[in-house]
Amino acid sequence: MEMLRETFFMKGFITAMVIAVLTKVIVWANYHRLLVSSEEMERPKRYWIGTLKKKIENYYNLQTKVNNISCIVDKYFEADKILGINSFFLEQIPGFCAIICVGLGCLGAIRGIAMNADINFWGRNLIIGVVCGIFIFMMDYLTKMDQMKRKIKINLINYLENILPNRMLNYTKKQNYKENLENKKKEEIKKEKKQVANIEEHWGEIASSRECQLTDEDLQILKDFIKDL
């Protein structure tokens, strides 16, 4: 308690530890969100995963061959940001906080020695700084997110290389089938119209010949028949 009252170094230890823990939680939440998104790629995406998915879809729509998808994924992944700060930089903050704790402990010890303070005072200061630094280092090491990041990349590369091309191919086939079906219907309609025109012309020639005289009523019935066709 005497040390807590007499030195500001303890406040530095506490602040560094709080910053380290909060940063770790924020980074973990960010990677967890990316992991969930990478496992549900069929749903609409936001942020850079949605941009990446749309970009690759456009390449496939243009029938452009896409090489080195893993490099594209790495490029977007390394540009990931949290609150405008690069996530890879935030991952390093707990390590910096651990170094700060050890540094504060050493500074406290140097200060105590310079002031001819009791060894118990500056010795405890040094020990607490080293212990806090080791604690943060261990927490950072034991909660490394390399496996989570690796899984995110694997999910993205697998979807973009294996699943998305097949889906785009099936979609293109469906679109081509619909277009062919519509063109076929248009051709059938044209043929039917041509046949009706031929029938109308043929009966018109018969009606106008001397050998077959039709009354106005017969002509009207014939027109109605052709119209029905």
Protein backbone atom coordinates (compact mmCIF):
# COMPACT_ATOMS: atom_id res chain seq x y z
CA MET A 1 0.00 0.00 0.00
CA GLU A 2 2.90 2.32 0.70
CA MET A 3 4.12 1.87 -2.85
CA LEU A 4 0.66 2.61 -4.26
CA ARG A 5 0.56 5.91 -2.42
CA GLU A 6 4.10 7.00 -3.21
CA THR A 7 4.59 6.20 -6.90
CA PHE A 8 2.73 6.82 -10.13
CA PHE A 9 4.23 3.71 -11.72
CA MET A 10 1.41 1.51 -10.47
CA LYS A 11 -1.06 3.56 -12.47
CA GLY A 12 1.05 2.90 -15.55
CA PHE A 13 0.98 -0.86 -14.85
CA ILE A 14 -2.79 -0.88 -14.49
CA THR A 15 -3.34 1.28 -17.57
CA ALA A 16 -1.06 -0.89 -19.71
CA MET A 17 -2.81 -4.08 -18.58
CA VAL A 18 -6.28 -2.66 -19.23
CA ILE A 19 -5.26 -1.46 -22.70
CA ALA A 20 -3.72 -4.85 -23.50
CA VAL A 21 -6.82 -6.79 -22.45
CA LEU A 22 -9.28 -4.46 -24.20
CA THR A 23 -7.24 -4.50 -27.40
CA LYS A 24 -7.11 -8.28 -27.34
CA VAL A 25 -10.87 -8.53 -26.88
CA ILE A 26 -11.55 -6.04 -29.70
CA VAL A 27 -9.22 -7.85 -32.12
CA TRP A 28 -10.71 -11.23 -31.19
CA ALA A 29 -14.26 -9.94 -31.78
CA ASN A 30 -13.21 -8.60 -35.18
CA TYR A 31 -11.64 -11.88 -36.31
CA HIS A 32 -14.58 -13.84 -34.95
CA ARG A 33 -16.94 -11.71 -37.05
CA LEU A 34 -14.78 -12.30 -40.12
CA LEU A 35 -14.72 -16.04 -39.42
CA VAL A 36 -18.51 -16.21 -39.20
CA SER A 37 -18.81 -14.21 -42.44
CA SER A 38 -16.32 -16.46 -44.23
CA GLU A 39 -18.38 -19.52 -43.25
CA GLU A 40 -21.63 -17.98 -44.56
CA MET A 41 -20.53 -16.55 -47.89
CA GLU A 42 -23.92 -17.10 -49.53
CA ARG A 43 -25.44 -14.35 -47.42
CA PRO A 44 -25.01 -10.67 -48.36
CA LYS A 45 -21.67 -9.41 -47.07
CA ARG A 46 -20.44 -6.06 -45.83
CA TYR A 47 -17.07 -4.48 -45.48
CA TRP A 48 -14.11 -5.87 -47.41
CA ILE A 49 -15.40 -9.46 -47.65
CA GLY A 50 -18.43 -8.23 -49.59
CA THR A 51 -16.19 -6.10 -51.82
CA LEU A 52 -13.88 -9.06 -52.48
CA LYS A 53 -16.78 -11.38 -53.29
CA LYS A 54 -18.32 -8.85 -55.70
CA LYS A 55 -14.98 -8.29 -57.41
CA ILE A 56 -14.42 -12.00 -58.08
CA GLU A 57 -18.03 -12.38 -59.24
CA ASN A 58 -17.49 -9.61 -61.78
CA TYR A 59 -14.36 -11.38 -63.05
CA TYR A 60 -16.33 -14.59 -63.55
CA ASN A 61 -19.22 -12.73 -65.20
CA LEU A 62 -16.76 -11.26 -67.69
CA GLN A 63 -15.37 -14.78 -68.19
CA THR A 64 -11.98 -13.54 -67.08
CA LYS A 65 -9.53 -16.08 -65.74
CA VAL A 66 -8.63 -15.32 -62.12
CA ASN A 67 -5.13 -16.30 -61.02
CA ASN A 68 -3.61 -16.32 -57.52
CA ILE A 69 -6.83 -15.86 -55.57
CA SER A 70 -4.82 -16.50 -52.41
CA CYS A 71 -2.76 -13.35 -53.13
CA ILE A 72 -5.93 -11.31 -53.62
CA VAL A 73 -7.33 -12.62 -50.34
CA ASP A 74 -4.07 -11.81 -48.52
CA LYS A 75 -4.11 -8.28 -49.93
CA TYR A 76 -7.63 -7.59 -48.69
CA PHE A 77 -7.03 -9.38 -45.39
CA GLU A 78 -3.92 -7.36 -44.58
CA ALA A 79 -5.89 -4.16 -45.25
CA ASP A 80 -8.49 -5.11 -42.60
CA LYS A 81 -9.14 -2.24 -40.19
CA ILE A 82 -10.81 -1.79 -36.82
CA LEU A 83 -12.08 1.72 -36.15
CA GLY A 84 -9.81 2.95 -38.92
CA ILE A 85 -6.71 1.25 -37.45
CA ASN A 86 -5.05 -1.71 -39.14
CA SER A 87 -5.94 -4.87 -37.24
CA PHE A 88 -2.43 -6.28 -37.57
CA PHE A 89 -1.10 -3.20 -35.79
CA LEU A 90 -3.66 -3.60 -33.01
CA GLU A 91 -2.47 -7.18 -32.53
CA GLN A 92 0.95 -5.82 -31.56
CA ILE A 93 -0.37 -3.48 -28.86
CA PRO A 94 -0.43 -6.11 -26.04
CA GLY A 95 3.25 -6.80 -26.72
CA PHE A 96 3.99 -3.08 -26.53
CA CYS A 97 2.06 -2.87 -23.24
CA ALA A 98 4.12 -5.73 -21.80
CA ILE A 99 7.34 -3.94 -22.74
CA ILE A 100 5.99 -0.75 -21.17
CA CYS A 101 5.24 -2.58 -17.90
CA VAL A 102 8.75 -3.99 -17.72
CA GLY A 103 10.16 -0.60 -18.66
CA LEU A 104 8.13 1.13 -15.94
CA GLY A 105 9.36 -1.39 -13.39
CA CYS A 106 12.95 -0.74 -14.39
CA LEU A 107 12.45 3.02 -14.30
CA GLY A 108 10.88 2.74 -10.87
CA ALA A 109 13.86 0.76 -9.64
CA ILE A 110 16.30 3.28 -11.13
CA ARG A 111 14.37 6.10 -9.53
CA GLY A 112 14.41 4.35 -6.16
CA ILE A 113 18.14 3.73 -6.37
CA ALA A 114 18.77 7.35 -7.36
CA MET A 115 16.73 8.56 -4.39
CA ASN A 116 18.46 6.12 -2.02
CA ALA A 117 15.07 4.56 -1.31
CA ASP A 118 14.65 1.34 0.59
CA ILE A 119 15.42 -1.70 -1.54
CA ASN A 120 12.10 -3.22 -0.55
CA PHE A 121 10.34 -0.25 -2.18
CA TRP A 122 12.02 -0.16 -5.56
CA GLY A 123 12.52 -3.95 -5.53
CA ARG A 124 8.78 -4.52 -5.28
CA ASN A 125 8.29 -1.92 -8.01
CA LEU A 126 10.64 -3.81 -10.30
CA ILE A 127 9.08 -7.18 -9.49
CA ILE A 128 5.55 -5.92 -10.13
CA GLY A 129 6.59 -4.42 -13.47
CA VAL A 130 8.26 -7.66 -14.57
CA VAL A 131 5.30 -9.77 -13.37
CA CYS A 132 2.81 -7.54 -15.21
CA GLY A 133 4.92 -7.71 -18.36
CA ILE A 134 5.19 -11.51 -18.16
CA PHE A 135 1.45 -11.77 -17.54
CA ILE A 136 0.65 -9.71 -20.64
CA PHE A 137 3.19 -11.64 -22.74
CA MET A 138 1.67 -14.96 -21.65
CA MET A 139 -1.87 -13.73 -22.27
CA ASP A 140 -0.87 -12.50 -25.73
CA TYR A 141 0.92 -15.75 -26.55
CA LEU A 142 -1.83 -18.06 -25.29
CA THR A 143 -4.57 -16.15 -27.11
CA LYS A 144 -2.83 -15.85 -30.47
CA MET A 145 -5.29 -15.82 -33.35
CA ASP A 146 -3.13 -17.35 -36.05
CA GLN A 147 -5.39 -20.39 -36.30
CA MET A 148 -8.48 -18.22 -36.61
CA LYS A 149 -6.86 -16.06 -39.31
CA ARG A 150 -5.72 -19.18 -41.16
CA LYS A 151 -9.24 -20.59 -41.09
CA ILE A 152 -10.68 -17.32 -42.42
CA LYS A 153 -8.27 -17.39 -45.36
CA ILE A 154 -8.98 -21.07 -46.06
CA ASN A 155 -12.74 -20.44 -46.06
CA LEU A 156 -12.42 -17.46 -48.42
CA ILE A 157 -10.03 -19.19 -50.84
CA ASN A 158 -12.13 -22.36 -50.91
CA TYR A 159 -15.31 -20.43 -51.65
CA LEU A 160 -13.79 -18.16 -54.29
CA GLU A 161 -11.83 -20.93 -56.06
CA ASN A 162 -14.18 -23.92 -55.81
CA ILE A 163 -17.73 -22.92 -54.91
CA LEU A 164 -18.27 -19.53 -56.55
CA PRO A 165 -17.10 -20.58 -60.08
CA ASN A 166 -19.54 -23.52 -60.09
CA ARG A 167 -22.39 -21.33 -58.91
CA MET A 168 -21.60 -18.72 -61.53
CA LEU A 169 -21.41 -21.46 -64.20
CA ASN A 170 -24.81 -22.84 -63.18
CA TYR A 171 -26.24 -19.33 -63.18
CA THR A 172 -24.84 -18.70 -66.68
CA LYS A 173 -26.30 -21.98 -67.93
CA LYS A 174 -29.73 -21.05 -66.56
CA GLN A 175 -29.53 -17.63 -68.17
CA ASN A 176 -28.52 -19.17 -71.51
CA TYR A 177 -31.33 -21.71 -71.26
CA LYS A 178 -33.87 -18.96 -70.61
CA GLU A 179 -32.55 -16.91 -73.52
CA ASN A 180 -32.67 -19.92 -75.85
CA LEU A 181 -36.19 -20.71 -74.72
CA GLU A 182 -37.32 -17.13 -75.33
CA ASN A 183 -35.66 -17.10 -78.77
CA LYS A 184 -37.36 -20.39 -79.62
CA LYS A 185 -40.75 -18.98 -78.63
CA LYS A 186 -40.11 -15.90 -80.74
CA GLU A 187 -39.23 -18.08 -83.74
CA GLU A 188 -42.41 -20.13 -83.28
CA ILE A 189 -44.49 -16.96 -83.12
CA LYS A 190 -42.85 -15.69 -86.32
CA LYS A 191 -43.58 -18.99 -88.08
CA GLU A 192 -47.20 -18.93 -86.94
CA LYS A 193 -47.62 -15.36 -88.16
CA LYS A 194 -46.07 -16.29 -91.50
CA GLN A 195 -48.40 -19.27 -91.84
CA VAL A 196 -51.42 -17.11 -91.05
CA ALA A 197 -50.28 -14.54 -93.62
CA ASN A 198 -49.91 -17.30 -96.23
CA ILE A 199 -53.36 -18.68 -95.47
CA GLU A 200 -54.87 -15.21 -95.66
CA GLU A 201 -53.17 -14.53 -99.00
CA HIS A 202 -54.23 -17.90 -100.37
CA TRP A 203 -57.87 -17.49 -99.44
CA GLY A 204 -57.81 -13.94 -100.70
CA GLU A 205 -56.73 -15.18 -104.11
CA ILE A 206 -59.45 -17.79 -104.11
CA ALA A 207 -62.07 -15.25 -103.10
CA SER A 208 -61.03 -12.85 -105.85
CA SER A 209 -61.06 -15.49 -108.60
CA ARG A 210 -64.02 -15.92 -110.93
CA GLU A 211 -64.34 -19.61 -110.17
CA CYS A 212 -65.20 -19.07 -106.49
CA GLN A 213 -67.43 -16.18 -105.53
CA LEU A 214 -67.81 -15.63 -101.76
CA THR A 215 -70.42 -13.51 -100.13
CA ASP A 216 -69.57 -10.78 -97.67
CA GLU A 217 -70.73 -13.04 -94.87
CA ASP A 218 -68.37 -15.81 -95.99
CA LEU A 219 -65.50 -13.33 -96.18
CA GLN A 220 -66.21 -12.14 -92.63
CA ILE A 221 -66.29 -15.72 -91.33
CA LEU A 222 -62.96 -16.37 -93.07
CA LYS A 223 -61.40 -13.25 -91.55
CA ASP A 224 -62.59 -14.25 -88.09
CA PHE A 225 -61.09 -17.71 -88.61
CA ILE A 226 -57.75 -16.25 -89.65
CA LYS A 227 -57.80 -13.88 -86.71
CA ASP A 228 -58.37 -16.81 -84.36
CA LEU A 229 -55.33 -18.52 -85.84
